[in-house]
Amino acid sequence: MRAAAMDDGKRGAWPRRRFLRAPLALGAALASGTRAWAGGQLEEPLTYAVRTALSAAVAGSGAPPEPAFASTEARLAYLRWLAAMSARLASRKSDLSRRVEFLQTVWYESHRAALEPALVLGLIQVESAFRKYAVSVAGARGYMQIMPFWSRVIGDGEPGTLFHTQTNLRFGCVILRHYLEREQGNLFMALGRYNGSRGRSAYPDAVTGARKNWLL
């Protein structure tokens, strides 16, 4: 699995833009019912090759396959991760079977996109507080707060499917991987682009801070 490094040295290189301060905005999001804290990904022109590649990457949703492991050690490591994350998530998702299904999907989609599961869980915590049907003021939807235009650009054109758990997580992971590649592995800039606040520190700091809650 590739690791994306965050380059703090580039923070001052970008012009200042209006942005909600992290502690205030995040607190408001968690207390606001179905609303979520999200600046909203910006729709940007995509080349045909990129659009085709992203469309292929999000295609073929459905139940994730049961994990297959090359060794007993790898399987045991996964089971330890699953047990630990399930215990930490219990206060937010009380039903055990749904919690396990959610975590299995996070594990599958994050690895599929070569992302760290702790990073994806941290992003979900900040974006939606683990609420499946969260909607932001910008119209972003679901766990990873996907803007509806993505369903038109690379999906099936039905934004309602963005509330489906695996569809939402797949879109979110594929989009974050796309932004990481555009930013040449710079996680700070990629997270800012994901939130529509590229170059500002509030959102990347919130996600990387939340990531620590999900490290094994």
N, C-alpha and C. Protein backbone atom coordinates (compact mmCIF):
# COMPACT_ATOMS: atom_id res chain seq x y z
N MET A 1 0.84 -1.19 0.00
CA MET A 1 0.00 0.00 0.00
C MET A 1 0.87 1.23 0.00
N ARG A 2 0.60 2.16 -0.93
CA ARG A 2 1.39 3.37 -1.00
C ARG A 2 0.99 4.33 0.10
N ALA A 3 1.97 5.01 0.65
CA ALA A 3 1.70 6.01 1.66
C ALA A 3 1.88 7.39 1.06
N ALA A 4 0.95 8.29 1.35
CA ALA A 4 1.04 9.66 0.84
C ALA A 4 1.54 10.56 1.95
N ALA A 5 2.63 11.25 1.71
CA ALA A 5 3.21 12.11 2.73
C ALA A 5 2.61 13.50 2.65
N MET A 6 2.47 14.15 3.81
CA MET A 6 1.95 15.50 3.86
C MET A 6 3.11 16.46 3.93
N ASP A 7 3.16 17.40 2.99
CA ASP A 7 4.24 18.35 2.89
C ASP A 7 3.79 19.67 3.49
N ASP A 8 4.10 19.88 4.79
CA ASP A 8 3.68 21.10 5.46
C ASP A 8 4.40 22.32 4.92
N GLY A 9 5.51 22.14 4.28
CA GLY A 9 6.30 23.26 3.83
C GLY A 9 5.63 24.08 2.75
N LYS A 10 4.59 23.55 2.12
CA LYS A 10 3.94 24.27 1.02
C LYS A 10 2.73 25.06 1.47
N ARG A 11 2.44 25.08 2.78
CA ARG A 11 1.21 25.70 3.22
C ARG A 11 1.15 27.19 2.90
N GLY A 12 2.26 27.86 2.98
CA GLY A 12 2.23 29.29 2.79
C GLY A 12 2.30 29.73 1.35
N ALA A 13 2.32 28.80 0.43
CA ALA A 13 2.55 29.15 -0.97
C ALA A 13 1.28 29.51 -1.72
N TRP A 14 0.11 29.39 -1.08
CA TRP A 14 -1.13 29.57 -1.79
C TRP A 14 -1.88 30.78 -1.27
N PRO A 15 -2.67 31.47 -2.10
CA PRO A 15 -3.40 32.66 -1.66
C PRO A 15 -4.42 32.34 -0.60
N ARG A 16 -4.71 33.31 0.24
CA ARG A 16 -5.67 33.12 1.31
C ARG A 16 -7.07 33.08 0.72
N ARG A 17 -7.92 32.18 1.28
CA ARG A 17 -9.30 32.08 0.85
C ARG A 17 -10.19 31.99 2.07
N ARG A 18 -11.46 32.37 1.92
CA ARG A 18 -12.38 32.29 3.02
C ARG A 18 -12.60 30.84 3.42
N PHE A 19 -12.58 30.53 4.72
CA PHE A 19 -12.73 29.16 5.15
C PHE A 19 -13.19 29.15 6.60
N LEU A 20 -14.05 28.21 6.97
CA LEU A 20 -14.47 28.07 8.35
C LEU A 20 -13.32 27.57 9.20
N ARG A 21 -13.17 28.11 10.39
CA ARG A 21 -12.12 27.64 11.28
C ARG A 21 -12.48 26.26 11.80
N ALA A 22 -11.51 25.37 11.89
CA ALA A 22 -11.77 23.95 12.14
C ALA A 22 -12.52 23.68 13.42
N PRO A 23 -12.08 24.14 14.62
CA PRO A 23 -12.78 23.76 15.83
C PRO A 23 -14.24 24.20 15.82
N LEU A 24 -14.51 25.46 15.42
CA LEU A 24 -15.87 25.96 15.41
C LEU A 24 -16.72 25.23 14.39
N ALA A 25 -16.18 25.07 13.18
CA ALA A 25 -16.95 24.43 12.11
C ALA A 25 -17.22 22.97 12.40
N LEU A 26 -16.22 22.26 12.91
CA LEU A 26 -16.40 20.85 13.19
C LEU A 26 -17.40 20.64 14.31
N GLY A 27 -17.32 21.48 15.34
CA GLY A 27 -18.28 21.37 16.44
C GLY A 27 -19.69 21.63 15.97
N ALA A 28 -19.86 22.63 15.10
CA ALA A 28 -21.19 22.92 14.57
C ALA A 28 -21.71 21.77 13.74
N ALA A 29 -20.83 21.14 12.98
CA ALA A 29 -21.26 20.02 12.13
C ALA A 29 -21.76 18.86 12.97
N LEU A 30 -21.04 18.53 14.02
CA LEU A 30 -21.42 17.38 14.82
C LEU A 30 -22.71 17.62 15.59
N ALA A 31 -23.07 18.89 15.78
CA ALA A 31 -24.26 19.20 16.55
C ALA A 31 -25.45 19.56 15.68
N SER A 32 -25.31 19.46 14.38
CA SER A 32 -26.33 20.04 13.49
C SER A 32 -27.22 19.01 12.82
N GLY A 33 -27.42 17.85 13.42
CA GLY A 33 -28.34 16.88 12.84
C GLY A 33 -27.82 16.27 11.57
N THR A 34 -28.56 16.47 10.47
CA THR A 34 -28.16 15.83 9.22
C THR A 34 -27.17 16.65 8.43
N ARG A 35 -26.91 17.89 8.84
CA ARG A 35 -25.93 18.70 8.12
C ARG A 35 -24.53 18.20 8.39
N ALA A 36 -23.63 18.47 7.48
CA ALA A 36 -22.25 18.01 7.63
C ALA A 36 -21.30 19.15 7.30
N TRP A 37 -20.10 19.05 7.85
CA TRP A 37 -19.09 20.08 7.61
C TRP A 37 -18.34 19.74 6.34
N ALA A 38 -18.61 20.47 5.27
CA ALA A 38 -17.95 20.20 4.00
C ALA A 38 -17.98 21.45 3.16
N GLY A 39 -16.84 21.84 2.66
CA GLY A 39 -16.77 23.00 1.79
C GLY A 39 -17.29 22.69 0.40
N GLY A 40 -17.21 21.42 0.01
CA GLY A 40 -17.70 21.02 -1.31
C GLY A 40 -16.59 20.92 -2.33
N GLN A 41 -16.39 19.73 -2.86
CA GLN A 41 -15.41 19.55 -3.93
C GLN A 41 -15.81 20.41 -5.12
N LEU A 42 -14.85 20.98 -5.79
CA LEU A 42 -15.12 21.83 -6.93
C LEU A 42 -15.09 21.01 -8.22
N GLU A 43 -16.07 21.24 -9.08
CA GLU A 43 -16.07 20.54 -10.37
C GLU A 43 -15.01 21.17 -11.26
N GLU A 44 -14.08 20.34 -11.70
CA GLU A 44 -12.98 20.81 -12.53
C GLU A 44 -12.99 20.06 -13.85
N PRO A 45 -12.50 20.69 -14.91
CA PRO A 45 -12.44 19.99 -16.20
C PRO A 45 -11.54 18.75 -16.10
N LEU A 46 -11.99 17.66 -16.69
CA LEU A 46 -11.21 16.42 -16.72
C LEU A 46 -10.96 16.03 -18.16
N THR A 47 -9.78 15.58 -18.44
CA THR A 47 -9.51 15.06 -19.77
C THR A 47 -10.31 13.78 -19.99
N TYR A 48 -10.49 13.42 -21.23
CA TYR A 48 -11.22 12.20 -21.54
C TYR A 48 -10.57 10.99 -20.88
N ALA A 49 -9.24 10.93 -20.91
CA ALA A 49 -8.53 9.79 -20.35
C ALA A 49 -8.75 9.69 -18.84
N VAL A 50 -8.69 10.83 -18.16
CA VAL A 50 -8.89 10.83 -16.71
C VAL A 50 -10.33 10.47 -16.37
N ARG A 51 -11.27 11.06 -17.09
CA ARG A 51 -12.68 10.76 -16.83
C ARG A 51 -12.97 9.29 -17.07
N THR A 52 -12.41 8.73 -18.12
CA THR A 52 -12.62 7.31 -18.41
C THR A 52 -12.01 6.43 -17.33
N ALA A 53 -10.81 6.79 -16.87
CA ALA A 53 -10.15 6.02 -15.83
C ALA A 53 -10.93 6.08 -14.52
N LEU A 54 -11.44 7.26 -14.16
CA LEU A 54 -12.21 7.40 -12.93
C LEU A 54 -13.54 6.65 -13.03
N SER A 55 -14.16 6.70 -14.20
CA SER A 55 -15.41 5.97 -14.40
C SER A 55 -15.19 4.47 -14.21
N ALA A 56 -14.09 3.97 -14.75
CA ALA A 56 -13.77 2.55 -14.59
C ALA A 56 -13.48 2.22 -13.13
N ALA A 57 -12.86 3.16 -12.43
CA ALA A 57 -12.48 2.91 -11.04
C ALA A 57 -13.68 2.82 -10.11
N VAL A 58 -14.77 3.55 -10.43
CA VAL A 58 -15.94 3.51 -9.55
C VAL A 58 -16.96 2.48 -10.00
N ALA A 59 -16.76 1.86 -11.15
CA ALA A 59 -17.73 0.90 -11.67
C ALA A 59 -17.71 -0.40 -10.86
N GLY A 60 -18.80 -1.12 -10.98
CA GLY A 60 -18.84 -2.46 -10.40
C GLY A 60 -19.05 -2.51 -8.91
N SER A 61 -19.94 -1.65 -8.40
CA SER A 61 -20.21 -1.70 -6.96
C SER A 61 -21.02 -2.95 -6.63
N GLY A 62 -21.27 -3.16 -5.39
CA GLY A 62 -21.91 -4.37 -4.88
C GLY A 62 -21.21 -4.76 -3.60
N ALA A 63 -21.64 -5.82 -3.00
CA ALA A 63 -21.03 -6.23 -1.73
C ALA A 63 -19.55 -6.53 -1.93
N PRO A 64 -18.69 -5.99 -1.07
CA PRO A 64 -17.26 -6.29 -1.22
C PRO A 64 -17.00 -7.76 -0.98
N PRO A 65 -16.07 -8.33 -1.70
CA PRO A 65 -15.77 -9.75 -1.49
C PRO A 65 -15.19 -9.99 -0.10
N GLU A 66 -15.34 -11.20 0.38
CA GLU A 66 -14.72 -11.54 1.65
C GLU A 66 -13.21 -11.40 1.51
N PRO A 67 -12.56 -10.79 2.50
CA PRO A 67 -11.11 -10.60 2.39
C PRO A 67 -10.37 -11.91 2.20
N ALA A 68 -9.39 -11.90 1.31
CA ALA A 68 -8.53 -13.06 1.09
C ALA A 68 -7.11 -12.64 1.46
N PHE A 69 -6.41 -13.52 2.14
CA PHE A 69 -5.09 -13.16 2.65
C PHE A 69 -4.05 -14.19 2.23
N ALA A 70 -2.86 -13.69 2.01
CA ALA A 70 -1.77 -14.55 1.56
C ALA A 70 -1.19 -15.38 2.68
N SER A 71 -1.45 -15.00 3.92
CA SER A 71 -0.88 -15.72 5.05
C SER A 71 -1.81 -15.64 6.25
N THR A 72 -1.60 -16.54 7.20
CA THR A 72 -2.37 -16.51 8.44
C THR A 72 -2.09 -15.24 9.21
N GLU A 73 -0.85 -14.78 9.19
CA GLU A 73 -0.49 -13.55 9.89
C GLU A 73 -1.27 -12.35 9.36
N ALA A 74 -1.40 -12.27 8.04
CA ALA A 74 -2.14 -11.17 7.44
C ALA A 74 -3.61 -11.22 7.84
N ARG A 75 -4.18 -12.41 7.87
CA ARG A 75 -5.58 -12.55 8.27
C ARG A 75 -5.76 -12.16 9.73
N LEU A 76 -4.86 -12.57 10.58
CA LEU A 76 -4.96 -12.22 11.99
C LEU A 76 -4.81 -10.71 12.21
N ALA A 77 -3.95 -10.09 11.41
CA ALA A 77 -3.78 -8.64 11.51
C ALA A 77 -5.08 -7.93 11.13
N TYR A 78 -5.74 -8.43 10.09
CA TYR A 78 -7.02 -7.84 9.69
C TYR A 78 -8.07 -8.02 10.79
N LEU A 79 -8.13 -9.21 11.37
CA LEU A 79 -9.12 -9.46 12.42
C LEU A 79 -8.85 -8.60 13.65
N ARG A 80 -7.58 -8.36 13.96
CA ARG A 80 -7.26 -7.46 15.08
C ARG A 80 -7.72 -6.04 14.76
N TRP A 81 -7.47 -5.61 13.52
CA TRP A 81 -7.92 -4.28 13.10
C TRP A 81 -9.44 -4.18 13.19
N LEU A 82 -10.14 -5.18 12.68
CA LEU A 82 -11.60 -5.16 12.67
C LEU A 82 -12.16 -5.09 14.09
N ALA A 83 -11.60 -5.88 15.00
CA ALA A 83 -12.08 -5.88 16.39
C ALA A 83 -11.83 -4.53 17.06
N ALA A 84 -10.64 -3.98 16.83
CA ALA A 84 -10.30 -2.70 17.46
C ALA A 84 -11.17 -1.57 16.92
N MET A 85 -11.35 -1.51 15.60
CA MET A 85 -12.15 -0.44 15.01
C MET A 85 -13.63 -0.59 15.38
N SER A 86 -14.10 -1.82 15.48
CA SER A 86 -15.49 -2.05 15.86
C SER A 86 -15.75 -1.53 17.27
N ALA A 87 -14.82 -1.78 18.18
CA ALA A 87 -14.98 -1.28 19.55
C ALA A 87 -15.00 0.24 19.59
N ARG A 88 -14.15 0.89 18.79
CA ARG A 88 -14.09 2.36 18.78
C ARG A 88 -15.32 2.98 18.12
N LEU A 89 -15.94 2.25 17.21
CA LEU A 89 -17.08 2.78 16.47
C LEU A 89 -18.42 2.45 17.12
N ALA A 90 -18.40 1.64 18.16
CA ALA A 90 -19.64 1.12 18.75
C ALA A 90 -20.57 2.23 19.23
N SER A 91 -20.02 3.32 19.74
CA SER A 91 -20.88 4.39 20.25
C SER A 91 -21.58 5.14 19.11
N ARG A 92 -21.07 5.03 17.90
CA ARG A 92 -21.66 5.72 16.76
C ARG A 92 -22.54 4.80 15.93
N LYS A 93 -22.21 3.49 15.92
CA LYS A 93 -23.00 2.50 15.19
C LYS A 93 -23.22 1.32 16.13
N SER A 94 -24.39 1.27 16.72
CA SER A 94 -24.64 0.29 17.78
C SER A 94 -24.89 -1.12 17.26
N ASP A 95 -25.43 -1.25 16.04
CA ASP A 95 -25.71 -2.58 15.50
C ASP A 95 -24.42 -3.24 15.03
N LEU A 96 -24.09 -4.38 15.63
CA LEU A 96 -22.80 -5.02 15.36
C LEU A 96 -22.67 -5.44 13.90
N SER A 97 -23.69 -6.06 13.34
CA SER A 97 -23.57 -6.56 11.96
C SER A 97 -23.38 -5.40 10.98
N ARG A 98 -24.11 -4.31 11.17
CA ARG A 98 -23.96 -3.16 10.28
C ARG A 98 -22.60 -2.49 10.48
N ARG A 99 -22.14 -2.49 11.71
CA ARG A 99 -20.82 -1.90 12.00
C ARG A 99 -19.71 -2.69 11.32
N VAL A 100 -19.79 -4.00 11.40
CA VAL A 100 -18.79 -4.86 10.78
C VAL A 100 -18.85 -4.72 9.26
N GLU A 101 -20.05 -4.69 8.70
CA GLU A 101 -20.19 -4.54 7.26
C GLU A 101 -19.60 -3.21 6.80
N PHE A 102 -19.87 -2.14 7.55
CA PHE A 102 -19.31 -0.83 7.22
C PHE A 102 -17.79 -0.86 7.25
N LEU A 103 -17.22 -1.43 8.31
CA LEU A 103 -15.76 -1.46 8.44
C LEU A 103 -15.13 -2.36 7.38
N GLN A 104 -15.76 -3.47 7.05
CA GLN A 104 -15.24 -4.33 5.99
C GLN A 104 -15.21 -3.57 4.67
N THR A 105 -16.24 -2.75 4.42
CA THR A 105 -16.29 -1.98 3.20
C THR A 105 -15.22 -0.89 3.20
N VAL A 106 -15.03 -0.22 4.33
CA VAL A 106 -13.96 0.77 4.44
C VAL A 106 -12.61 0.12 4.16
N TRP A 107 -12.38 -1.02 4.76
CA TRP A 107 -11.10 -1.72 4.58
C TRP A 107 -10.91 -2.07 3.10
N TYR A 108 -11.95 -2.62 2.47
CA TYR A 108 -11.86 -3.05 1.08
C TYR A 108 -11.63 -1.86 0.15
N GLU A 109 -12.43 -0.81 0.29
CA GLU A 109 -12.34 0.32 -0.64
C GLU A 109 -11.07 1.15 -0.42
N SER A 110 -10.63 1.27 0.82
CA SER A 110 -9.38 2.02 1.06
C SER A 110 -8.19 1.29 0.46
N HIS A 111 -8.11 -0.03 0.66
CA HIS A 111 -7.02 -0.79 0.07
C HIS A 111 -7.12 -0.82 -1.46
N ARG A 112 -8.30 -0.89 -1.98
CA ARG A 112 -8.50 -0.88 -3.43
C ARG A 112 -7.93 0.40 -4.05
N ALA A 113 -8.06 1.52 -3.32
CA ALA A 113 -7.55 2.80 -3.80
C ALA A 113 -6.16 3.12 -3.28
N ALA A 114 -5.51 2.15 -2.63
CA ALA A 114 -4.17 2.34 -2.07
C ALA A 114 -4.15 3.49 -1.06
N LEU A 115 -5.16 3.50 -0.17
CA LEU A 115 -5.23 4.49 0.89
C LEU A 115 -5.16 3.80 2.24
N GLU A 116 -4.73 4.52 3.24
CA GLU A 116 -4.67 4.01 4.60
C GLU A 116 -6.07 4.02 5.20
N PRO A 117 -6.56 2.90 5.74
CA PRO A 117 -7.90 2.90 6.35
C PRO A 117 -8.08 3.94 7.44
N ALA A 118 -7.05 4.20 8.24
CA ALA A 118 -7.16 5.20 9.30
C ALA A 118 -7.41 6.59 8.71
N LEU A 119 -6.79 6.89 7.59
CA LEU A 119 -7.02 8.17 6.93
C LEU A 119 -8.46 8.28 6.44
N VAL A 120 -8.96 7.22 5.83
CA VAL A 120 -10.33 7.22 5.32
C VAL A 120 -11.32 7.36 6.48
N LEU A 121 -11.10 6.65 7.57
CA LEU A 121 -11.98 6.77 8.73
C LEU A 121 -11.91 8.17 9.33
N GLY A 122 -10.72 8.75 9.37
CA GLY A 122 -10.59 10.11 9.87
C GLY A 122 -11.34 11.10 9.00
N LEU A 123 -11.27 10.92 7.69
CA LEU A 123 -11.99 11.79 6.77
C LEU A 123 -13.50 11.65 6.97
N ILE A 124 -13.97 10.42 7.13
CA ILE A 124 -15.40 10.19 7.36
C ILE A 124 -15.83 10.85 8.66
N GLN A 125 -15.02 10.73 9.70
CA GLN A 125 -15.35 11.34 10.98
C GLN A 125 -15.56 12.85 10.83
N VAL A 126 -14.66 13.51 10.11
CA VAL A 126 -14.75 14.95 9.93
C VAL A 126 -15.89 15.32 9.00
N GLU A 127 -16.02 14.60 7.90
CA GLU A 127 -17.01 14.96 6.88
C GLU A 127 -18.44 14.74 7.34
N SER A 128 -18.74 13.61 7.96
CA SER A 128 -20.13 13.25 8.22
C SER A 128 -20.40 12.74 9.62
N ALA A 129 -19.35 12.62 10.45
CA ALA A 129 -19.50 12.03 11.79
C ALA A 129 -20.13 10.64 11.71
N PHE A 130 -19.82 9.90 10.63
CA PHE A 130 -20.27 8.52 10.40
C PHE A 130 -21.78 8.44 10.20
N ARG A 131 -22.38 9.49 9.65
CA ARG A 131 -23.81 9.48 9.35
C ARG A 131 -24.03 9.19 7.87
N LYS A 132 -24.69 8.10 7.61
CA LYS A 132 -24.86 7.61 6.24
C LYS A 132 -25.61 8.60 5.37
N TYR A 133 -26.60 9.29 5.92
CA TYR A 133 -27.44 10.17 5.12
C TYR A 133 -27.15 11.65 5.37
N ALA A 134 -25.95 11.96 5.80
CA ALA A 134 -25.57 13.35 6.03
C ALA A 134 -25.58 14.13 4.71
N VAL A 135 -26.03 15.37 4.78
CA VAL A 135 -26.03 16.27 3.62
C VAL A 135 -25.45 17.61 4.07
N SER A 136 -24.46 18.10 3.35
CA SER A 136 -23.83 19.37 3.71
C SER A 136 -24.59 20.55 3.12
N VAL A 137 -24.25 21.75 3.56
CA VAL A 137 -24.87 22.95 3.00
C VAL A 137 -24.54 23.10 1.52
N ALA A 138 -23.43 22.48 1.10
CA ALA A 138 -23.05 22.53 -0.32
C ALA A 138 -23.71 21.44 -1.14
N GLY A 139 -24.45 20.54 -0.47
CA GLY A 139 -25.14 19.47 -1.17
C GLY A 139 -24.38 18.15 -1.24
N ALA A 140 -23.21 18.08 -0.58
CA ALA A 140 -22.43 16.84 -0.56
C ALA A 140 -23.17 15.78 0.23
N ARG A 141 -22.99 14.51 -0.15
CA ARG A 141 -23.84 13.44 0.38
C ARG A 141 -23.06 12.30 1.00
N GLY A 142 -23.65 11.76 2.07
CA GLY A 142 -23.20 10.50 2.62
C GLY A 142 -21.95 10.56 3.46
N TYR A 143 -21.43 9.37 3.77
CA TYR A 143 -20.29 9.22 4.66
C TYR A 143 -19.11 10.10 4.26
N MET A 144 -18.73 10.06 2.97
CA MET A 144 -17.54 10.79 2.52
C MET A 144 -17.90 12.07 1.79
N GLN A 145 -19.16 12.49 1.92
CA GLN A 145 -19.63 13.78 1.42
C GLN A 145 -19.24 14.01 -0.05
N ILE A 146 -19.86 13.21 -0.91
CA ILE A 146 -19.60 13.28 -2.35
C ILE A 146 -20.55 14.29 -2.98
N MET A 147 -19.98 15.21 -3.75
CA MET A 147 -20.81 16.17 -4.45
C MET A 147 -21.58 15.47 -5.58
N PRO A 148 -22.87 15.81 -5.77
CA PRO A 148 -23.68 15.12 -6.79
C PRO A 148 -23.12 15.17 -8.20
N PHE A 149 -22.34 16.20 -8.54
CA PHE A 149 -21.84 16.28 -9.92
C PHE A 149 -20.98 15.08 -10.28
N TRP A 150 -20.37 14.43 -9.27
CA TRP A 150 -19.53 13.27 -9.58
C TRP A 150 -20.34 12.12 -10.18
N SER A 151 -21.60 11.98 -9.76
CA SER A 151 -22.41 10.90 -10.34
C SER A 151 -22.68 11.16 -11.81
N ARG A 152 -22.73 12.42 -12.21
CA ARG A 152 -22.91 12.76 -13.62
C ARG A 152 -21.62 12.62 -14.40
N VAL A 153 -20.51 13.02 -13.81
CA VAL A 153 -19.24 13.04 -14.53
C VAL A 153 -18.65 11.65 -14.71
N ILE A 154 -18.68 10.84 -13.65
CA ILE A 154 -18.03 9.53 -13.73
C ILE A 154 -18.93 8.37 -13.31
N GLY A 155 -20.17 8.66 -12.90
CA GLY A 155 -21.06 7.61 -12.43
C GLY A 155 -22.20 7.33 -13.37
N ASP A 156 -23.33 6.91 -12.77
CA ASP A 156 -24.49 6.52 -13.58
C ASP A 156 -25.49 7.65 -13.73
N GLY A 157 -25.15 8.84 -13.24
CA GLY A 157 -26.04 9.97 -13.37
C GLY A 157 -27.15 10.03 -12.35
N GLU A 158 -27.13 9.12 -11.37
CA GLU A 158 -28.16 9.07 -10.34
C GLU A 158 -27.55 9.46 -8.99
N PRO A 159 -27.64 10.72 -8.57
CA PRO A 159 -27.01 11.14 -7.31
C PRO A 159 -27.57 10.44 -6.08
N GLY A 160 -28.78 9.89 -6.18
CA GLY A 160 -29.35 9.17 -5.04
C GLY A 160 -28.52 7.96 -4.64
N THR A 161 -27.80 7.38 -5.60
CA THR A 161 -26.99 6.20 -5.27
C THR A 161 -25.80 6.55 -4.39
N LEU A 162 -25.49 7.84 -4.24
CA LEU A 162 -24.36 8.25 -3.40
C LEU A 162 -24.64 8.01 -1.92
N PHE A 163 -25.90 7.68 -1.57
CA PHE A 163 -26.20 7.31 -0.19
C PHE A 163 -26.00 5.82 0.06
N HIS A 164 -25.76 5.05 -1.00
CA HIS A 164 -25.45 3.63 -0.84
C HIS A 164 -24.04 3.52 -0.26
N THR A 165 -23.87 2.72 0.77
CA THR A 165 -22.62 2.71 1.53
C THR A 165 -21.41 2.45 0.64
N GLN A 166 -21.41 1.34 -0.09
CA GLN A 166 -20.22 1.02 -0.86
C GLN A 166 -20.01 2.00 -2.01
N THR A 167 -21.08 2.45 -2.64
CA THR A 167 -20.95 3.45 -3.70
C THR A 167 -20.31 4.71 -3.16
N ASN A 168 -20.79 5.18 -2.02
CA ASN A 168 -20.24 6.40 -1.43
C ASN A 168 -18.77 6.25 -1.07
N LEU A 169 -18.42 5.14 -0.43
CA LEU A 169 -17.03 4.92 -0.04
C LEU A 169 -16.14 4.73 -1.25
N ARG A 170 -16.65 4.08 -2.27
CA ARG A 170 -15.84 3.89 -3.47
C ARG A 170 -15.58 5.23 -4.16
N PHE A 171 -16.61 6.02 -4.33
CA PHE A 171 -16.42 7.33 -4.93
C PHE A 171 -15.43 8.16 -4.11
N GLY A 172 -15.63 8.18 -2.79
CA GLY A 172 -14.76 8.99 -1.93
C GLY A 172 -13.30 8.57 -2.02
N CYS A 173 -13.06 7.27 -1.97
CA CYS A 173 -11.68 6.78 -2.03
C CYS A 173 -11.05 7.02 -3.40
N VAL A 174 -11.82 6.80 -4.46
CA VAL A 174 -11.30 7.04 -5.82
C VAL A 174 -11.01 8.53 -6.02
N ILE A 175 -11.89 9.40 -5.54
CA ILE A 175 -11.68 10.84 -5.69
C ILE A 175 -10.46 11.30 -4.90
N LEU A 176 -10.31 10.81 -3.67
CA LEU A 176 -9.15 11.20 -2.87
C LEU A 176 -7.86 10.70 -3.53
N ARG A 177 -7.86 9.48 -4.06
CA ARG A 177 -6.68 8.97 -4.77
C ARG A 177 -6.38 9.85 -5.99
N HIS A 178 -7.43 10.24 -6.71
CA HIS A 178 -7.27 11.13 -7.87
C HIS A 178 -6.61 12.45 -7.46
N TYR A 179 -7.08 13.02 -6.36
CA TYR A 179 -6.50 14.29 -5.90
C TYR A 179 -5.07 14.11 -5.42
N LEU A 180 -4.77 12.99 -4.79
CA LEU A 180 -3.38 12.72 -4.38
C LEU A 180 -2.46 12.65 -5.60
N GLU A 181 -2.92 12.02 -6.64
CA GLU A 181 -2.10 11.92 -7.85
C GLU A 181 -1.95 13.29 -8.51
N ARG A 182 -3.01 14.09 -8.51
CA ARG A 182 -2.91 15.44 -9.07
C ARG A 182 -1.94 16.30 -8.27
N GLU A 183 -1.88 16.07 -6.95
CA GLU A 183 -0.99 16.85 -6.08
C GLU A 183 0.34 16.14 -5.85
N GLN A 184 0.63 15.14 -6.66
CA GLN A 184 1.91 14.43 -6.61
C GLN A 184 2.21 13.89 -5.20
N GLY A 185 1.20 13.31 -4.56
CA GLY A 185 1.38 12.68 -3.27
C GLY A 185 1.30 13.61 -2.08
N ASN A 186 1.05 14.89 -2.30
CA ASN A 186 0.98 15.85 -1.20
C ASN A 186 -0.40 15.75 -0.53
N LEU A 187 -0.46 15.10 0.62
CA LEU A 187 -1.73 14.86 1.29
C LEU A 187 -2.38 16.15 1.74
N PHE A 188 -1.59 17.08 2.21
CA PHE A 188 -2.13 18.37 2.66
C PHE A 188 -2.93 19.05 1.54
N MET A 189 -2.34 19.12 0.36
CA MET A 189 -3.01 19.75 -0.77
C MET A 189 -4.17 18.91 -1.28
N ALA A 190 -4.01 17.59 -1.28
CA ALA A 190 -5.08 16.71 -1.76
C ALA A 190 -6.31 16.81 -0.87
N LEU A 191 -6.11 16.85 0.44
CA LEU A 191 -7.25 16.99 1.35
C LEU A 191 -7.93 18.34 1.17
N GLY A 192 -7.13 19.38 0.96
CA GLY A 192 -7.73 20.68 0.71
C GLY A 192 -8.56 20.69 -0.56
N ARG A 193 -8.08 20.02 -1.59
CA ARG A 193 -8.83 19.92 -2.84
C ARG A 193 -10.10 19.11 -2.62
N TYR A 194 -10.03 18.05 -1.81
CA TYR A 194 -11.21 17.22 -1.53
C TYR A 194 -12.31 18.06 -0.89
N ASN A 195 -11.91 18.99 -0.03
CA ASN A 195 -12.86 19.84 0.70
C ASN A 195 -13.21 21.11 -0.04
N GLY A 196 -12.54 21.41 -1.14
CA GLY A 196 -12.76 22.66 -1.83
C GLY A 196 -12.08 23.84 -1.15
N SER A 197 -11.01 23.56 -0.41
CA SER A 197 -10.30 24.62 0.33
C SER A 197 -8.80 24.49 0.14
N ARG A 198 -8.40 24.18 -1.06
CA ARG A 198 -7.00 23.88 -1.37
C ARG A 198 -6.08 24.99 -0.88
N GLY A 199 -5.03 24.60 -0.14
CA GLY A 199 -4.04 25.54 0.34
C GLY A 199 -4.29 26.08 1.73
N ARG A 200 -5.46 25.81 2.31
CA ARG A 200 -5.77 26.25 3.67
C ARG A 200 -5.64 25.08 4.64
N SER A 201 -5.29 25.37 5.88
CA SER A 201 -4.88 24.30 6.80
C SER A 201 -6.01 23.70 7.63
N ALA A 202 -7.15 24.39 7.77
CA ALA A 202 -8.16 23.95 8.73
C ALA A 202 -8.65 22.53 8.47
N TYR A 203 -9.04 22.27 7.22
CA TYR A 203 -9.59 20.95 6.92
C TYR A 203 -8.54 19.84 6.95
N PRO A 204 -7.38 19.99 6.28
CA PRO A 204 -6.37 18.94 6.39
C PRO A 204 -5.96 18.66 7.83
N ASP A 205 -5.85 19.70 8.65
CA ASP A 205 -5.48 19.50 10.05
C ASP A 205 -6.56 18.72 10.80
N ALA A 206 -7.83 19.01 10.49
CA ALA A 206 -8.93 18.29 11.13
C ALA A 206 -8.91 16.81 10.77
N VAL A 207 -8.69 16.50 9.48
CA VAL A 207 -8.69 15.10 9.03
C VAL A 207 -7.49 14.34 9.60
N THR A 208 -6.30 14.94 9.51
CA THR A 208 -5.12 14.23 10.02
C THR A 208 -5.17 14.09 11.53
N GLY A 209 -5.84 15.03 12.21
CA GLY A 209 -6.04 14.88 13.64
C GLY A 209 -7.00 13.74 13.95
N ALA A 210 -8.11 13.66 13.20
CA ALA A 210 -9.08 12.59 13.40
C ALA A 210 -8.49 11.23 13.04
N ARG A 211 -7.58 11.20 12.07
CA ARG A 211 -6.93 9.95 11.67
C ARG A 211 -6.31 9.24 12.86
N LYS A 212 -5.78 9.98 13.82
CA LYS A 212 -5.11 9.39 14.97
C LYS A 212 -6.06 8.53 15.80
N ASN A 213 -7.35 8.82 15.73
CA ASN A 213 -8.34 8.03 16.48
C ASN A 213 -8.49 6.62 15.92
N TRP A 214 -8.01 6.39 14.70
CA TRP A 214 -8.27 5.14 14.00
C TRP A 214 -7.01 4.36 13.66
N LEU A 215 -5.90 4.76 14.26
CA LEU A 215 -4.67 4.00 14.11
C LEU A 215 -4.71 2.79 15.03
N LEU A 216 -4.21 1.68 14.56
CA LEU A 216 -4.19 0.47 15.39
C LEU A 216 -3.01 0.49 16.33
